Amino acid sequence: MGFNTVVLILNDRLGEIERDAENFVKEMCLQAGGGGNMGPAPLDFHRSQSSIIETHHADQTAVILVGGNTATVIGFARGWRHTEVHNQVRILEEMLAQYGYGIRRKPLKDLKQKLKWAKHTAASARSRYESFTGTMKEYFVARRRTEQADGMVDWLYTKIENAEKVKESKK
């Protein structure tokens, strides 16, 4: 199937890249096409505007952590169907097993109980925010608490949905 190359581009430097796009593409193709970086250490190219993080065979999945203008390869897993939830869980299990850890799934009822609590907290925060009568600082604190509570509800809905998908895919 060939190879895949993971490239990290610093968005802050897109203007520089755009002004010198032809050289950027040449350097990227030279590095990636020449095998790139067959390993976990990033290879800077084009004046530190971007890095080739790694190159791997298309039949593998690379697990990469991205942040702080860099990326780190933490491992590889067999197979390439990482878009399916049950395979994502399998890949995480494989990565953790390399370090001597495992995954234990939380019971769905615990997540649903947390969701009930989060909905109550969000409703309470929203009520205080909507009937607000204090200072501007208190107003912004109330608004932020409402946003955080709503975010927790959304996050829990996603976790429950994903847990149900994994449960269904194992049937």
Protein backbone atom coordinates (compact mmCIF):
# COMPACT_ATOMS: atom_id res chain seq x y z
CA MET A 1 0.00 0.00 0.00
CA GLY A 2 2.90 2.42 0.39
CA PHE A 3 3.93 4.82 3.10
CA ASN A 4 2.33 7.70 5.02
CA THR A 5 4.26 10.73 6.24
CA VAL A 6 3.00 12.87 9.11
CA VAL A 7 3.89 16.56 8.76
CA LEU A 8 3.39 19.18 11.49
CA ILE A 9 2.96 22.73 10.18
CA LEU A 10 3.10 25.67 12.59
CA ASN A 11 0.04 27.79 11.75
CA ASP A 12 1.83 30.94 12.99
CA ARG A 13 4.29 30.49 10.13
CA LEU A 14 1.77 29.96 7.31
CA GLY A 15 2.48 33.44 5.90
CA GLU A 16 6.17 32.58 5.48
CA ILE A 17 5.30 29.25 3.93
CA GLU A 18 2.87 30.92 1.51
CA ARG A 19 5.53 33.42 0.39
CA ASP A 20 7.97 30.59 -0.31
CA ALA A 21 5.50 27.82 -1.17
CA GLU A 22 7.50 26.33 -4.01
CA ASN A 23 10.61 25.76 -1.89
CA PHE A 24 8.48 24.53 1.00
CA VAL A 25 6.90 21.83 -1.18
CA LYS A 26 10.28 20.87 -2.69
CA GLU A 27 11.87 20.47 0.75
CA MET A 28 8.89 18.52 2.07
CA CYS A 29 8.88 16.15 -0.91
CA LEU A 30 12.64 15.70 -0.69
CA GLN A 31 12.47 14.75 2.99
CA ALA A 32 9.30 12.64 2.79
CA GLY A 33 10.12 11.04 -0.55
CA GLY A 34 13.62 10.12 0.58
CA GLY A 35 12.22 8.03 3.38
CA GLY A 36 11.61 11.05 5.57
CA ASN A 37 12.10 10.20 9.18
CA MET A 38 11.61 6.47 9.72
CA GLY A 39 11.37 6.83 13.46
CA PRO A 40 10.00 8.81 16.35
CA ALA A 41 12.27 11.91 16.24
CA PRO A 42 10.90 14.92 14.29
CA LEU A 43 12.93 16.15 11.32
CA ASP A 44 12.74 19.96 10.95
CA PHE A 45 12.64 21.31 7.44
CA HIS A 46 11.98 24.67 5.85
CA ARG A 47 13.37 26.97 8.56
CA SER A 48 11.54 25.37 11.52
CA GLN A 49 8.14 26.20 10.07
CA SER A 50 7.30 22.54 9.90
CA SER A 51 8.52 19.10 10.84
CA ILE A 52 8.22 15.66 9.40
CA ILE A 53 7.18 13.74 12.48
CA GLU A 54 7.51 10.24 11.09
CA THR A 55 6.94 8.00 8.11
CA HIS A 56 5.34 4.59 8.45
CA HIS A 57 3.90 1.85 6.29
CA ALA A 58 0.27 2.38 5.37
CA ASP A 59 -0.73 -0.95 6.95
CA GLN A 60 0.21 0.42 10.38
CA THR A 61 -1.31 3.08 12.61
CA ALA A 62 0.99 5.59 14.30
CA VAL A 63 -0.15 6.99 17.65
CA ILE A 64 1.07 10.57 17.95
CA LEU A 65 0.72 13.21 20.67
CA VAL A 66 0.64 16.79 19.32
CA GLY A 67 1.12 19.97 21.33
CA GLY A 68 3.57 22.75 22.11
CA ASN A 69 4.62 23.16 18.45
CA THR A 70 5.92 19.59 18.30
CA ALA A 71 4.69 16.02 18.13
CA THR A 72 5.85 12.75 19.67
CA VAL A 73 5.30 9.27 18.30
CA ILE A 74 4.37 7.06 21.24
CA GLY A 75 3.97 3.88 19.28
CA PHE A 76 2.60 1.94 16.37
CA ALA A 77 -0.30 -0.49 16.14
CA ARG A 78 -1.14 -3.13 13.61
CA GLY A 79 -3.83 -2.36 11.08
CA TRP A 80 -5.09 0.86 9.60
CA ARG A 81 -8.83 1.02 10.37
CA HIS A 82 -8.51 3.52 13.19
CA THR A 83 -11.68 5.43 12.28
CA GLU A 84 -13.88 2.81 13.95
CA VAL A 85 -14.36 3.19 17.74
CA HIS A 86 -13.66 -0.45 18.62
CA ASN A 87 -10.36 -0.24 16.72
CA GLN A 88 -9.47 3.00 18.51
CA VAL A 89 -9.94 1.20 21.83
CA ARG A 90 -7.87 -1.76 20.59
CA ILE A 91 -5.06 0.56 19.51
CA LEU A 92 -5.07 2.30 22.90
CA GLU A 93 -4.96 -1.12 24.60
CA GLU A 94 -1.94 -2.08 22.48
CA MET A 95 -0.14 1.19 23.27
CA LEU A 96 -0.78 0.89 27.01
CA ALA A 97 0.26 -2.78 27.03
CA GLN A 98 3.70 -1.75 25.75
CA TYR A 99 4.11 0.22 29.00
CA GLY A 100 2.58 -2.45 31.23
CA TYR A 101 -0.87 -0.83 31.57
CA GLY A 102 -4.35 -1.81 30.48
CA ILE A 103 -7.80 -0.32 29.95
CA ARG A 104 -10.79 -0.88 32.18
CA ARG A 105 -14.11 0.39 30.82
CA LYS A 106 -16.29 2.33 33.23
CA PRO A 107 -19.78 0.95 33.60
CA LEU A 108 -22.25 2.81 31.42
CA LYS A 109 -24.54 3.37 34.42
CA ASP A 110 -21.77 5.42 36.16
CA LEU A 111 -21.52 7.72 33.14
CA LYS A 112 -25.29 8.11 32.98
CA GLN A 113 -25.37 8.97 36.70
CA LYS A 114 -22.67 11.62 36.17
CA LEU A 115 -24.68 12.99 33.24
CA LYS A 116 -27.74 13.39 35.46
CA TRP A 117 -25.65 15.33 38.01
CA ALA A 118 -24.02 17.46 35.27
CA LYS A 119 -27.42 18.37 33.79
CA HIS A 120 -28.60 19.50 37.23
CA THR A 121 -25.42 21.56 37.74
CA ALA A 122 -25.77 23.14 34.29
CA ALA A 123 -29.43 24.03 34.89
CA SER A 124 -28.56 25.56 38.26
CA ALA A 125 -25.67 27.57 36.79
CA ARG A 126 -27.82 28.73 33.86
CA SER A 127 -30.57 29.85 36.25
CA ARG A 128 -28.11 31.94 38.28
CA TYR A 129 -26.60 33.39 35.09
CA GLU A 130 -29.95 34.30 33.52
CA SER A 131 -31.28 35.99 36.67
CA PHE A 132 -27.99 37.75 37.40
CA THR A 133 -27.99 41.06 39.35
CA GLY A 134 -24.36 41.52 40.57
CA THR A 135 -21.13 43.13 39.40
CA MET A 136 -19.57 42.64 35.95
CA LYS A 137 -16.91 40.34 37.42
CA GLU A 138 -19.59 38.15 39.04
CA TYR A 139 -21.51 38.18 35.74
CA PHE A 140 -18.51 36.81 33.83
CA VAL A 141 -17.86 34.19 36.52
CA ALA A 142 -21.51 33.06 36.32
CA ARG A 143 -21.36 32.96 32.52
CA ARG A 144 -18.11 30.93 32.59
CA ARG A 145 -19.54 28.44 35.09
CA THR A 146 -22.56 27.97 32.84
CA GLU A 147 -20.30 27.34 29.82
CA GLN A 148 -18.19 24.86 31.81
CA ALA A 149 -21.27 22.97 33.03
CA ASP A 150 -22.71 22.82 29.50
CA GLY A 151 -19.33 21.57 28.25
CA MET A 152 -19.34 18.78 30.85
CA VAL A 153 -22.83 17.69 29.74
CA ASP A 154 -21.72 17.61 26.08
CA TRP A 155 -18.55 15.69 26.99
CA LEU A 156 -20.53 13.09 28.96
CA TYR A 157 -23.02 12.66 26.10
CA THR A 158 -20.05 11.94 23.80
CA LYS A 159 -18.50 9.46 26.25
CA ILE A 160 -21.82 7.61 26.65
CA GLU A 161 -22.34 7.54 22.89
CA ASN A 162 -18.83 6.15 22.32
CA ALA A 163 -19.24 3.57 25.10
CA GLU A 164 -22.50 2.40 23.53
CA LYS A 165 -20.80 2.13 20.10
CA VAL A 166 -18.02 -0.01 21.58
CA LYS A 167 -20.59 -2.16 23.38
CA GLU A 168 -22.55 -2.64 20.13
CA SER A 169 -19.43 -3.41 18.06
CA LYS A 170 -18.47 -6.24 20.47
CA LYS A 171 -21.82 -8.00 20.01
